[in-house]
C-alpha atoms as a PDB file:
ATOM      1  CA  MET A   1     122.053  89.943 109.047  1.00  0.00           C
ATOM      2  CA  LYS A   2     119.188  92.251 108.637  1.00  0.00           C
ATOM      3  CA  ILE A   3     115.684  90.625 109.030  1.00  0.00           C
ATOM      4  CA  ILE A   4     112.404  92.597 108.436  1.00  0.00           C
ATOM      5  CA  GLY A   5     108.898  91.627 109.103  1.00  0.00           C
ATOM      6  CA  ILE A   6     106.024  92.741 106.604  1.00  0.00           C
ATOM      7  CA  ASP A   7     102.353  92.494 107.658  1.00  0.00           C
ATOM      8  CA  ILE A   8     100.134  92.973 104.481  1.00  0.00           C
ATOM      9  CA  GLY A   9      96.626  94.125 105.330  1.00  0.00           C
ATOM     10  CA  GLY A  10      93.876  94.947 103.130  1.00  0.00           C
ATOM     11  CA  ALA A  11      94.211  98.730 103.987  1.00  0.00           C
ATOM     12  CA  ASN A  12      97.639  98.992 105.606  1.00  0.00           C
ATOM     13  CA  THR A  13     101.088  97.538 104.993  1.00  0.00           C
ATOM     14  CA  LYS A  14     103.340  97.463 108.157  1.00  0.00           C
ATOM     15  CA  VAL A  15     106.885  96.888 108.163  1.00  0.00           C
ATOM     16  CA  ALA A  16     109.404  96.585 111.109  1.00  0.00           C
ATOM     17  CA  SER A  17     113.079  95.194 111.694  1.00  0.00           C
ATOM     18  CA  SER A  18     113.670  92.518 114.130  1.00  0.00           C
ATOM     19  CA  ASP A  19     115.886  95.020 116.039  1.00  0.00           C
ATOM     20  CA  GLY A  20     113.058  97.617 116.002  1.00  0.00           C
ATOM     21  CA  LYS A  21     115.210 100.136 114.697  1.00  0.00           C
ATOM     22  CA  PHE A  22     113.174 100.517 111.485  1.00  0.00           C
ATOM     23  CA  VAL A  23     109.429 100.919 111.592  1.00  0.00           C
ATOM     24  CA  ASP A  24     107.057 101.992 108.814  1.00  0.00           C
ATOM     25  CA  LEU A  25     103.429 102.042 107.945  1.00  0.00           C
ATOM     26  CA  HIS A  26     102.001 102.660 104.608  1.00  0.00           C
ATOM     27  CA  TYR A  27      98.382 103.281 103.764  1.00  0.00           C
ATOM     28  CA  VAL A  28      97.906 100.772 100.790  1.00  0.00           C
ATOM     29  CA  PRO A  29      94.270  99.955  99.991  1.00  0.00           C
ATOM     30  CA  LEU A  30      94.437  96.729  98.104  1.00  0.00           C
ATOM     31  CA  TRP A  31      90.788  97.090  96.593  1.00  0.00           C
ATOM     32  CA  LYS A  32      91.998 100.025  94.457  1.00  0.00           C
ATOM     33  CA  GLU A  33      94.549 100.235  91.806  1.00  0.00           C
ATOM     34  CA  THR A  34      97.156  99.165  94.449  1.00  0.00           C
ATOM     35  CA  SER A  35     100.612 100.639  95.002  1.00  0.00           C
ATOM     36  CA  LEU A  36     101.582  97.594  96.891  1.00  0.00           C
ATOM     37  CA  PRO A  37     104.361  96.469  94.494  1.00  0.00           C
ATOM     38  CA  GLU A  38     105.861  99.857  94.278  1.00  0.00           C
ATOM     39  CA  VAL A  39     105.886 100.076  98.155  1.00  0.00           C
ATOM     40  CA  LEU A  40     107.486  96.710  98.613  1.00  0.00           C
ATOM     41  CA  ARG A  41     110.039  97.632  95.957  1.00  0.00           C
ATOM     42  CA  THR A  42     110.807 100.865  97.901  1.00  0.00           C
ATOM     43  CA  ILE A  43     111.309  98.931 101.168  1.00  0.00           C
ATOM     44  CA  ALA A  44     113.379  96.410  99.395  1.00  0.00           C
ATOM     45  CA  GLU A  45     115.736  99.068  97.859  1.00  0.00           C
ATOM     46  CA  THR A  46     116.153 101.220 101.001  1.00  0.00           C
ATOM     47  CA  GLN A  47     116.361  98.504 103.555  1.00  0.00           C
ATOM     48  CA  LYS A  48     118.214  95.591 101.553  1.00  0.00           C
ATOM     49  CA  PRO A  49     117.004  92.831 104.124  1.00  0.00           C
ATOM     50  CA  ASP A  50     118.807  89.577 104.151  1.00  0.00           C
ATOM     51  CA  ARG A  51     115.713  87.791 105.203  1.00  0.00           C
ATOM     52  CA  ILE A  52     111.875  88.761 104.995  1.00  0.00           C
ATOM     53  CA  ALA A  53     109.290  87.334 107.318  1.00  0.00           C
ATOM     54  CA  VAL A  54     105.671  87.827 106.053  1.00  0.00           C
ATOM     55  CA  VAL A  55     102.045  87.582 107.374  1.00  0.00           C
ATOM     56  CA  MET A  56      99.019  88.804 105.905  1.00  0.00           C
ATOM     57  CA  THR A  57      95.374  89.626 106.180  1.00  0.00           C
ATOM     58  CA  GLY A  58      94.760  91.462 102.942  1.00  0.00           C
ATOM     59  CA  GLU A  59      93.615  88.393 100.898  1.00  0.00           C
ATOM     60  CA  LEU A  60      90.064  89.278 101.910  1.00  0.00           C
ATOM     61  CA  ALA A  61      90.123  92.366  99.908  1.00  0.00           C
ATOM     62  CA  ASP A  62      87.195  92.466  97.473  1.00  0.00           C
ATOM     63  CA  CYS A  63      89.458  92.839  94.614  1.00  0.00           C
ATOM     64  CA  TYR A  64      90.236  89.126  94.838  1.00  0.00           C
ATOM     65  CA  GLU A  65      87.829  86.323  93.693  1.00  0.00           C
ATOM     66  CA  ASP A  66      88.439  84.369  96.798  1.00  0.00           C
ATOM     67  CA  LYS A  67      91.106  84.038  99.515  1.00  0.00           C
ATOM     68  CA  GLU A  68      93.447  81.662  97.465  1.00  0.00           C
ATOM     69  CA  ALA A  69      93.454  84.300  94.765  1.00  0.00           C
ATOM     70  CA  GLY A  70      94.255  86.901  97.431  1.00  0.00           C
ATOM     71  CA  VAL A  71      97.074  85.158  99.118  1.00  0.00           C
ATOM     72  CA  LYS A  72      98.512  84.283  95.652  1.00  0.00           C
ATOM     73  CA  GLY A  73      98.403  87.937  94.726  1.00  0.00           C
ATOM     74  CA  ILE A  74     100.249  88.966  97.864  1.00  0.00           C
ATOM     75  CA  VAL A  75     102.850  86.359  97.626  1.00  0.00           C
ATOM     76  CA  ASP A  76     103.543  87.492  94.117  1.00  0.00           C
ATOM     77  CA  ALA A  77     104.062  90.911  95.030  1.00  0.00           C
ATOM     78  CA  VAL A  78     106.422  89.941  97.652  1.00  0.00           C
ATOM     79  CA  GLU A  79     108.350  87.367  95.582  1.00  0.00           C
ATOM     80  CA  ASN A  80     108.741  89.806  92.746  1.00  0.00           C
ATOM     81  CA  ASN A  81     110.129  92.491  94.683  1.00  0.00           C
ATOM     82  CA  PHE A  82     112.470  91.027  97.251  1.00  0.00           C
ATOM     83  CA  ASP A  83     115.834  89.226  96.694  1.00  0.00           C
ATOM     84  CA  GLY A  84     116.387  87.938 100.050  1.00  0.00           C
ATOM     85  CA  ASP A  85     115.143  84.723 101.681  1.00  0.00           C
ATOM     86  CA  ILE A  86     111.391  85.081 102.241  1.00  0.00           C
ATOM     87  CA  GLN A  87     109.485  82.952 104.697  1.00  0.00           C
ATOM     88  CA  TYR A  88     105.697  83.042 105.423  1.00  0.00           C
ATOM     89  CA  MET A  89     104.131  82.428 108.782  1.00  0.00           C
ATOM     90  CA  GLY A  90     100.510  80.873 108.745  1.00  0.00           C
ATOM     91  CA  VAL A  91      97.949  79.771 111.338  1.00  0.00           C
ATOM     92  CA  SER A  92     100.038  76.993 112.357  1.00  0.00           C
ATOM     93  CA  GLY A  93     102.557  79.466 113.704  1.00  0.00           C
ATOM     94  CA  ASN A  94     105.223  77.683 111.690  1.00  0.00           C
ATOM     95  CA  PHE A  95     107.687  79.564 108.946  1.00  0.00           C
ATOM     96  CA  SER A  96     107.761  78.222 105.396  1.00  0.00           C
ATOM     97  CA  ARG A  97     109.315  79.201 102.287  1.00  0.00           C
ATOM     98  CA  GLU A  98     106.575  77.501 100.082  1.00  0.00           C
ATOM     99  CA  VAL A  99     102.843  78.180 100.060  1.00  0.00           C
ATOM    100  CA  PRO A 100     101.299  74.538  99.800  1.00  0.00           C
ATOM    101  CA  ASN A 101      98.152  75.526 100.867  1.00  0.00           C
ATOM    102  CA  PRO A 102      97.187  79.321 100.481  1.00  0.00           C
ATOM    103  CA  ARG A 103      94.445  79.314 102.991  1.00  0.00           C
ATOM    104  CA  ASP A 104      97.030  78.594 105.751  1.00  0.00           C
ATOM    105  CA  LEU A 105      98.528  82.105 105.422  1.00  0.00           C
ATOM    106  CA  ALA A 106      95.152  83.623 105.353  1.00  0.00           C
ATOM    107  CA  ALA A 107      94.399  86.194 108.202  1.00  0.00           C
ATOM    108  CA  ALA A 108      97.569  85.093 110.100  1.00  0.00           C
ATOM    109  CA  ASN A 109      99.147  88.085 111.319  1.00  0.00           C
ATOM    110  CA  TRP A 110      97.789  87.700 114.903  1.00  0.00           C
ATOM    111  CA  VAL A 111      99.386  84.433 115.358  1.00  0.00           C
ATOM    112  CA  ALA A 112     103.006  86.041 115.294  1.00  0.00           C
ATOM    113  CA  SER A 113     101.945  88.635 117.564  1.00  0.00           C
ATOM    114  CA  ALA A 114     100.352  86.158 120.003  1.00  0.00           C
ATOM    115  CA  LYS A 115     103.349  83.775 119.686  1.00  0.00           C
ATOM    116  CA  LEU A 116     105.778  86.725 120.829  1.00  0.00           C
ATOM    117  CA  ILE A 117     103.692  87.880 123.646  1.00  0.00           C
ATOM    118  CA  GLY A 118     103.544  84.141 124.795  1.00  0.00           C
ATOM    119  CA  LYS A 119     107.231  83.957 125.006  1.00  0.00           C
ATOM    120  CA  GLU A 120     107.806  87.437 126.415  1.00  0.00           C
ATOM    121  CA  VAL A 121     104.924  87.897 128.682  1.00  0.00           C
ATOM    122  CA  GLY A 122     103.262  84.680 129.256  1.00  0.00           C
ATOM    123  CA  ASP A 123      99.424  83.603 129.444  1.00  0.00           C
ATOM    124  CA  ALA A 124      97.163  86.589 128.591  1.00  0.00           C
ATOM    125  CA  ILE A 125      94.484  87.898 126.473  1.00  0.00           C
ATOM    126  CA  PHE A 126      96.225  89.736 123.675  1.00  0.00           C
ATOM    127  CA  VAL A 127      94.038  92.721 122.316  1.00  0.00           C
ATOM    128  CA  ASP A 128      95.273  94.498 119.147  1.00  0.00           C
ATOM    129  CA  MET A 129      93.108  97.208 117.814  1.00  0.00           C
ATOM    130  CA  GLY A 130      94.259  98.844 114.551  1.00  0.00           C
ATOM    131  CA  SER A 131      92.542 101.208 111.872  1.00  0.00           C
ATOM    132  CA  THR A 132      90.076  98.390 110.920  1.00  0.00           C
ATOM    133  CA  THR A 133      89.823  95.551 113.324  1.00  0.00           C
ATOM    134  CA  CYS A 134      90.414  94.528 116.706  1.00  0.00           C
ATOM    135  CA  ASP A 135      91.864  91.028 117.747  1.00  0.00           C
ATOM    136  CA  ILE A 136      91.179  89.463 121.134  1.00  0.00           C
ATOM    137  CA  ILE A 137      93.463  86.416 121.330  1.00  0.00           C
ATOM    138  CA  PRO A 138      93.681  83.876 124.250  1.00  0.00           C
ATOM    139  CA  ILE A 139      97.231  82.871 124.942  1.00  0.00           C
ATOM    140  CA  LYS A 140      97.647  79.759 127.222  1.00  0.00           C
ATOM    141  CA  LYS A 141     100.959  77.908 128.093  1.00  0.00           C
ATOM    142  CA  GLY A 142     102.860  80.494 126.044  1.00  0.00           C
ATOM    143  CA  LYS A 143     100.787  79.755 122.775  1.00  0.00           C
ATOM    144  CA  PRO A 144      97.679  81.323 121.046  1.00  0.00           C
ATOM    145  CA  VAL A 145      94.710  79.111 121.508  1.00  0.00           C
ATOM    146  CA  ALA A 146      92.276  81.176 119.350  1.00  0.00           C
ATOM    147  CA  HIS A 147      90.170  79.865 116.383  1.00  0.00           C
ATOM    148  CA  THR A 148      91.925  79.904 113.154  1.00  0.00           C
ATOM    149  CA  THR A 149      89.526  81.491 110.647  1.00  0.00           C
ATOM    150  CA  ASP A 150      88.151  84.978 110.894  1.00  0.00           C
ATOM    151  CA  THR A 151      84.558  83.695 110.631  1.00  0.00           C
ATOM    152  CA  GLU A 152      85.266  81.463 113.623  1.00  0.00           C
ATOM    153  CA  ARG A 153      86.874  84.344 115.525  1.00  0.00           C
ATOM    154  CA  LEU A 154      83.993  86.630 114.794  1.00  0.00           C
ATOM    155  CA  ALA A 155      81.650  83.922 116.206  1.00  0.00           C
ATOM    156  CA  ASN A 156      83.794  83.512 119.217  1.00  0.00           C
ATOM    157  CA  GLY A 157      84.443  87.106 120.406  1.00  0.00           C
ATOM    158  CA  GLU A 158      88.186  86.909 119.190  1.00  0.00           C
ATOM    159  CA  LEU A 159      87.750  89.369 116.419  1.00  0.00           C
ATOM    160  CA  LEU A 160      85.847  92.573 116.312  1.00  0.00           C
ATOM    161  CA  TYR A 161      85.445  94.121 112.803  1.00  0.00           C
ATOM    162  CA  GLU A 162      85.777  97.744 113.916  1.00  0.00           C
ATOM    163  CA  GLY A 163      88.793  99.873 114.393  1.00  0.00           C
ATOM    164  CA  ILE A 164      89.909 103.421 115.420  1.00  0.00           C
ATOM    165  CA  LEU A 165      90.003 105.052 111.680  1.00  0.00           C
ATOM    166  CA  ARG A 166      88.064 103.322 109.057  1.00  0.00           C
ATOM    167  CA  THR A 167      84.882 101.935 110.572  1.00  0.00           C
ATOM    168  CA  ASN A 168      81.775 103.625 109.605  1.00  0.00           C
ATOM    169  CA  ALA A 169      80.135 105.647 112.385  1.00  0.00           C
ATOM    170  CA  ALA A 170      76.567 104.040 111.440  1.00  0.00           C
ATOM    171  CA  ALA A 171      78.190 100.382 111.849  1.00  0.00           C
ATOM    172  CA  VAL A 172      78.932 101.552 115.676  1.00  0.00           C
ATOM    173  CA  LEU A 173      75.849 103.469 116.456  1.00  0.00           C
ATOM    174  CA  ASP A 174      72.075 103.034 115.863  1.00  0.00           C
ATOM    175  CA  ARG A 175      71.065 105.924 117.924  1.00  0.00           C
ATOM    176  CA  VAL A 176      72.601 108.840 119.801  1.00  0.00           C
ATOM    177  CA  ASP A 177      71.468 111.263 122.496  1.00  0.00           C
ATOM    178  CA  ILE A 178      71.867 115.081 121.363  1.00  0.00           C
ATOM    179  CA  SER A 179      70.201 118.017 122.520  1.00  0.00           C
ATOM    180  CA  ILE A 180      66.903 117.502 120.874  1.00  0.00           C
ATOM    181  CA  GLY A 181      66.594 113.889 122.393  1.00  0.00           C
ATOM    182  CA  SER A 182      67.500 110.252 121.309  1.00  0.00           C
ATOM    183  CA  CYS A 183      68.257 110.313 117.507  1.00  0.00           C
ATOM    184  CA  ARG A 184      68.407 107.550 115.104  1.00  0.00           C
ATOM    185  CA  VAL A 185      71.481 107.686 112.880  1.00  0.00           C
ATOM    186  CA  SER A 186      71.535 107.485 109.052  1.00  0.00           C
ATOM    187  CA  SER A 187      73.227 104.418 107.592  1.00  0.00           C
ATOM    188  CA  GLU A 188      75.133 106.283 105.133  1.00  0.00           C
ATOM    189  CA  LEU A 189      78.921 106.417 105.070  1.00  0.00           C
ATOM    190  CA  PHE A 190      79.060 109.907 106.386  1.00  0.00           C
ATOM    191  CA  ALA A 191      81.752 109.668 108.949  1.00  0.00           C
ATOM    192  CA  THR A 192      84.238 107.157 110.446  1.00  0.00           C
ATOM    193  CA  THR A 193      85.665 106.494 113.882  1.00  0.00           C
ATOM    194  CA  ALA A 194      88.614 108.584 112.939  1.00  0.00           C
ATOM    195  CA  ASP A 195      86.476 111.658 112.862  1.00  0.00           C
ATOM    196  CA  ALA A 196      85.333 111.004 116.442  1.00  0.00           C
ATOM    197  CA  TYR A 197      88.805 110.348 117.805  1.00  0.00           C
ATOM    198  CA  LEU A 198      90.255 113.335 116.058  1.00  0.00           C
ATOM    199  CA  VAL A 199      87.466 115.521 117.519  1.00  0.00           C
ATOM    200  CA  LEU A 200      88.033 114.093 120.952  1.00  0.00           C
ATOM    201  CA  GLY A 201      91.595 114.729 120.754  1.00  0.00           C
ATOM    202  CA  ASN A 202      92.620 110.951 120.939  1.00  0.00           C
ATOM    203  CA  ILE A 203      94.313 110.934 117.603  1.00  0.00           C
ATOM    204  CA  GLU A 204      96.315 113.854 115.742  1.00  0.00           C
ATOM    205  CA  GLU A 205      95.680 114.734 112.293  1.00  0.00           C
ATOM    206  CA  LYS A 206      98.925 112.980 111.054  1.00  0.00           C
ATOM    207  CA  THR A 207      97.507 109.636 112.592  1.00  0.00           C
ATOM    208  CA  TYR A 208      94.497 109.910 110.336  1.00  0.00           C
ATOM    209  CA  THR A 209      95.886 107.985 107.558  1.00  0.00           C
ATOM    210  CA  ALA A 210      92.767 106.615 106.154  1.00  0.00           C
ATOM    211  CA  GLU A 211      90.563 108.382 103.501  1.00  0.00           C
ATOM    212  CA  THR A 212      87.943 110.383 104.890  1.00  0.00           C
ATOM    213  CA  ALA A 213      84.113 109.692 104.137  1.00  0.00           C
ATOM    214  CA  ASP A 214      83.636 112.665 101.922  1.00  0.00           C
ATOM    215  CA  GLY A 215      87.077 112.965 100.355  1.00  0.00           C
ATOM    216  CA  GLU A 216      87.715 116.222 102.079  1.00  0.00           C
ATOM    217  CA  GLY A 217      90.382 117.273 104.796  1.00  0.00           C
ATOM    218  CA  LYS A 218      91.181 116.058 108.152  1.00  0.00           C
ATOM    219  CA  SER A 219      90.930 119.139 110.222  1.00  0.00           C
ATOM    220  CA  ILE A 220      88.602 119.038 113.472  1.00  0.00           C
ATOM    221  CA  GLU A 221      86.154 121.369 111.800  1.00  0.00           C
ATOM    222  CA  GLU A 222      85.926 119.024 108.609  1.00  0.00           C
ATOM    223  CA  ALA A 223      85.643 116.044 110.857  1.00  0.00           C
ATOM    224  CA  SER A 224      82.952 117.691 112.821  1.00  0.00           C
ATOM    225  CA  ARG A 225      80.945 118.519 109.829  1.00  0.00           C
ATOM    226  CA  ARG A 226      81.064 114.774 108.714  1.00  0.00           C
ATOM    227  CA  LEU A 227      80.019 113.729 112.388  1.00  0.00           C
ATOM    228  CA  ALA A 228      77.019 116.101 111.977  1.00  0.00           C
ATOM    229  CA  ARG A 229      75.876 114.344 108.956  1.00  0.00           C
ATOM    230  CA  VAL A 230      75.606 111.072 110.888  1.00  0.00           C
ATOM    231  CA  VAL A 231      72.230 112.749 112.259  1.00  0.00           C
ATOM    232  CA  CYS A 232      71.512 114.203 108.983  1.00  0.00           C
ATOM    233  CA  ALA A 233      72.470 117.629 110.098  1.00  0.00           C
ATOM    234  CA  ASP A 234      75.143 120.196 109.412  1.00  0.00           C
ATOM    235  CA  LEU A 235      77.051 122.695 111.719  1.00  0.00           C
ATOM    236  CA  LYS A 236      74.245 125.164 111.314  1.00  0.00           C
ATOM    237  CA  ASP A 237      71.754 122.777 112.675  1.00  0.00           C
ATOM    238  CA  ILE A 238      73.403 121.241 115.746  1.00  0.00           C
ATOM    239  CA  SER A 239      76.063 122.503 118.358  1.00  0.00           C
ATOM    240  CA  SER A 240      79.592 121.698 118.730  1.00  0.00           C
ATOM    241  CA  GLU A 241      78.496 120.029 121.856  1.00  0.00           C
ATOM    242  CA  ASP A 242      76.157 117.788 119.882  1.00  0.00           C
ATOM    243  CA  VAL A 243      79.062 116.798 117.563  1.00  0.00           C
ATOM    244  CA  GLU A 244      81.300 116.088 120.560  1.00  0.00           C
ATOM    245  CA  GLN A 245      78.182 113.904 121.925  1.00  0.00           C
ATOM    246  CA  ILE A 246      78.246 111.901 118.752  1.00  0.00           C
ATOM    247  CA  ALA A 247      82.010 111.341 119.050  1.00  0.00           C
ATOM    248  CA  LEU A 248      81.703 110.315 122.692  1.00  0.00           C
ATOM    249  CA  ALA A 249      78.999 107.896 121.784  1.00  0.00           C
ATOM    250  CA  ILE A 250      81.109 106.128 119.163  1.00  0.00           C
ATOM    251  CA  LYS A 251      83.917 105.970 121.675  1.00  0.00           C
ATOM    252  CA  GLU A 252      81.717 104.629 124.519  1.00  0.00           C
ATOM    253  CA  LYS A 253      80.222 101.953 122.313  1.00  0.00           C
ATOM    254  CA  GLN A 254      83.596 100.783 121.022  1.00  0.00           C
ATOM    255  CA  ILE A 255      84.674 100.435 124.683  1.00  0.00           C
ATOM    256  CA  GLN A 256      81.629  98.356 125.534  1.00  0.00           C
ATOM    257  CA  GLU A 257      82.348  96.191 122.379  1.00  0.00           C
ATOM    258  CA  ILE A 258      85.989  95.545 123.597  1.00  0.00           C
ATOM    259  CA  GLN A 259      85.034  94.861 127.149  1.00  0.00           C
ATOM    260  CA  ASN A 260      82.325  92.307 125.812  1.00  0.00           C
ATOM    261  CA  GLY A 261      85.020  90.533 123.721  1.00  0.00           C
ATOM    262  CA  ILE A 262      87.430  90.501 126.536  1.00  0.00           C
ATOM    263  CA  ARG A 263      84.878  89.016 128.950  1.00  0.00           C
ATOM    264  CA  GLU A 264      83.862  86.335 126.498  1.00  0.00           C
ATOM    265  CA  VAL A 265      87.387  85.188 125.668  1.00  0.00           C
ATOM    266  CA  ALA A 266      88.318  85.456 129.663  1.00  0.00           C
ATOM    267  CA  ARG A 267      85.340  83.321 130.534  1.00  0.00           C
ATOM    268  CA  HIS A 268      86.127  80.598 128.016  1.00  0.00           C
ATOM    269  CA  HIS A 269      89.773  80.511 128.720  1.00  0.00           C
ATOM    270  CA  HIS A 270      90.100  81.510 132.408  1.00  0.00           C
ATOM    271  CA  LEU A 271      92.531  84.387 131.762  1.00  0.00           C
ATOM    272  CA  ASP A 272      92.981  87.649 133.537  1.00  0.00           C
ATOM    273  CA  THR A 273      95.659  89.744 132.202  1.00  0.00           C
ATOM    274  CA  VAL A 274      95.214  91.940 128.934  1.00  0.00           C
ATOM    275  CA  VAL A 275      98.152  92.935 126.731  1.00  0.00           C
ATOM    276  CA  CYS A 276      97.315  95.822 124.520  1.00  0.00           C
ATOM    277  CA  ALA A 277      98.837  96.840 121.215  1.00  0.00           C
ATOM    278  CA  GLY A 278      98.051  98.845 118.113  1.00  0.00           C
ATOM    279  CA  LEU A 279      96.867 102.319 117.355  1.00  0.00           C
ATOM    280  CA  GLY A 280      93.891 101.807 119.622  1.00  0.00           C
ATOM    281  CA  GLU A 281      95.987 100.937 122.764  1.00  0.00           C
ATOM    282  CA  PHE A 282      94.520 104.061 124.390  1.00  0.00           C
ATOM    283  CA  LEU A 283      90.980 102.670 123.972  1.00  0.00           C
ATOM    284  CA  ILE A 284      91.895  99.083 125.009  1.00  0.00           C
ATOM    285  CA  ALA A 285      93.487 100.485 128.246  1.00  0.00           C
ATOM    286  CA  GLU A 286      90.543 102.665 129.111  1.00  0.00           C
ATOM    287  CA  ALA A 287      88.179  99.513 128.538  1.00  0.00           C
ATOM    288  CA  CYS A 288      90.414  97.610 131.019  1.00  0.00           C
ATOM    289  CA  GLU A 289      90.580 100.408 133.521  1.00  0.00           C
ATOM    290  CA  LEU A 290      86.788 100.547 133.675  1.00  0.00           C
ATOM    291  CA  MET A 291      86.692  96.844 134.009  1.00  0.00           C
ATOM    292  CA  GLU A 292      89.426  96.993 136.832  1.00  0.00           C
ATOM    293  CA  ARG A 293      91.555  94.468 134.759  1.00  0.00           C
ATOM    294  CA  GLU A 294      95.386  94.506 134.543  1.00  0.00           C
ATOM    295  CA  CYS A 295      96.467  95.797 131.305  1.00  0.00           C
ATOM    296  CA  PHE A 296     100.117  95.356 130.001  1.00  0.00           C
ATOM    297  CA  SER A 297     101.127  97.961 127.313  1.00  0.00           C
ATOM    298  CA  ILE A 298     103.213  97.032 124.297  1.00  0.00           C
ATOM    299  CA  ALA A 299     103.958 100.738 123.832  1.00  0.00           C
ATOM    300  CA  GLN A 300     105.475 100.901 127.375  1.00  0.00           C
ATOM    301  CA  ARG A 301     107.479  97.834 126.531  1.00  0.00           C
ATOM    302  CA  TRP A 302     108.771  98.150 123.026  1.00  0.00           C
ATOM    303  CA  GLY A 303     107.790 101.683 122.105  1.00  0.00           C
ATOM    304  CA  LYS A 304     104.645 103.363 120.793  1.00  0.00           C
ATOM    305  CA  GLU A 305     105.772 102.857 117.148  1.00  0.00           C
ATOM    306  CA  ILE A 306     106.508  99.166 117.277  1.00  0.00           C
ATOM    307  CA  SER A 307     102.920  98.918 118.967  1.00  0.00           C
ATOM    308  CA  LYS A 308     101.262 100.158 115.875  1.00  0.00           C
ATOM    309  CA  VAL A 309     102.997  97.637 113.657  1.00  0.00           C
ATOM    310  CA  PHE A 310     103.191  94.938 116.093  1.00  0.00           C
ATOM    311  CA  PRO A 311     102.539  91.818 113.889  1.00  0.00           C
ATOM    312  CA  ALA A 312     105.413  92.928 111.429  1.00  0.00           C
ATOM    313  CA  TYR A 313     107.923  93.312 114.294  1.00  0.00           C
ATOM    314  CA  ALA A 314     106.751  90.135 115.969  1.00  0.00           C
ATOM    315  CA  VAL A 315     107.190  87.938 112.872  1.00  0.00           C
ATOM    316  CA  ALA A 316     110.719  89.570 112.250  1.00  0.00           C
ATOM    317  CA  LYS A 317     111.661  88.936 116.022  1.00  0.00           C
ATOM    318  CA  LEU A 318     110.349  85.295 115.668  1.00  0.00           C
ATOM    319  CA  LEU A 319     112.350  84.541 112.566  1.00  0.00           C
ATOM    320  CA  GLU A 320     115.328  85.976 114.244  1.00  0.00           C
ATOM    321  CA  MET A 321     114.980  83.903 117.364  1.00  0.00           C
ATOM    322  CA  GLU A 322     114.434  80.740 115.291  1.00  0.00           C
ATOM    323  CA  LEU A 323     117.741  81.404 113.471  1.00  0.00           C
ATOM    324  CA  GLU A 324     119.552  81.954 116.528  1.00  0.00           C
ATOM    325  CA  ALA A 325     118.333  78.611 117.955  1.00  0.00           C
ATOM    326  CA  GLU A 326     119.664  76.617 114.904  1.00  0.00           C
END
């Protein structure tokens, strides 16, 4: 029996089989004329799964009137393109073939990840940083004990709305120290965090899957040009050292935000060990090292590619476990 898990986000659709042999990630911005149905159809035709396990966060995309409409739109796309048995996991952590209350499925991908970590690792703080957001989930007695809505999680340090690729640099920084002194930043969308990590060598050009702020390419020079604009400059106005300093400032600020979130969750739930996953594993690991806090790597346990799509892998694996237990 072939089981695949699908995590449909606002920007990315992640896919993995329960055996970990198939892993895929598609940049599918739902707020545009979305290619989600075509992507799902291709997955169905090439993988021919017997069972499909689904989690989502894309219902928040502003192409939908509200979350109910978003969940319905995503469910319809899945149902119209797969013939196998489809089950959804919501915030309860249970599987269901029906969708009695659409809000139960909203922003629930972290539940699958945390449930699997609870079974495989035990009590910990699960931190998953992707292109757009960072989840910081407390797990106690093998189960996630986080709040169930994104708004509640934002209020309690369990969700940071910033990621490795898509976050506006101006949403991370308000000032930056460059050669002429402490400089305020422009509030325009001139550069994103992907530009910073590309310049610093933390990601490669192929990892930069999101769109660029100016619609141009993804070379280090083009990323540097975008970072210079953050202080209303170009590459004739400031040096390469200044550009690197802007990139470092973005990285340092994001590390601080991760540390603050981990401390807040650790304090509330009396947890020590961190489990890190996602495209931003490197940043979480560095934050933990600076805090002298133990950090368990999903990439080392399951592989780097699975780490990037961990909610999809987790929901597939959990469905497989449930079927084996029947």
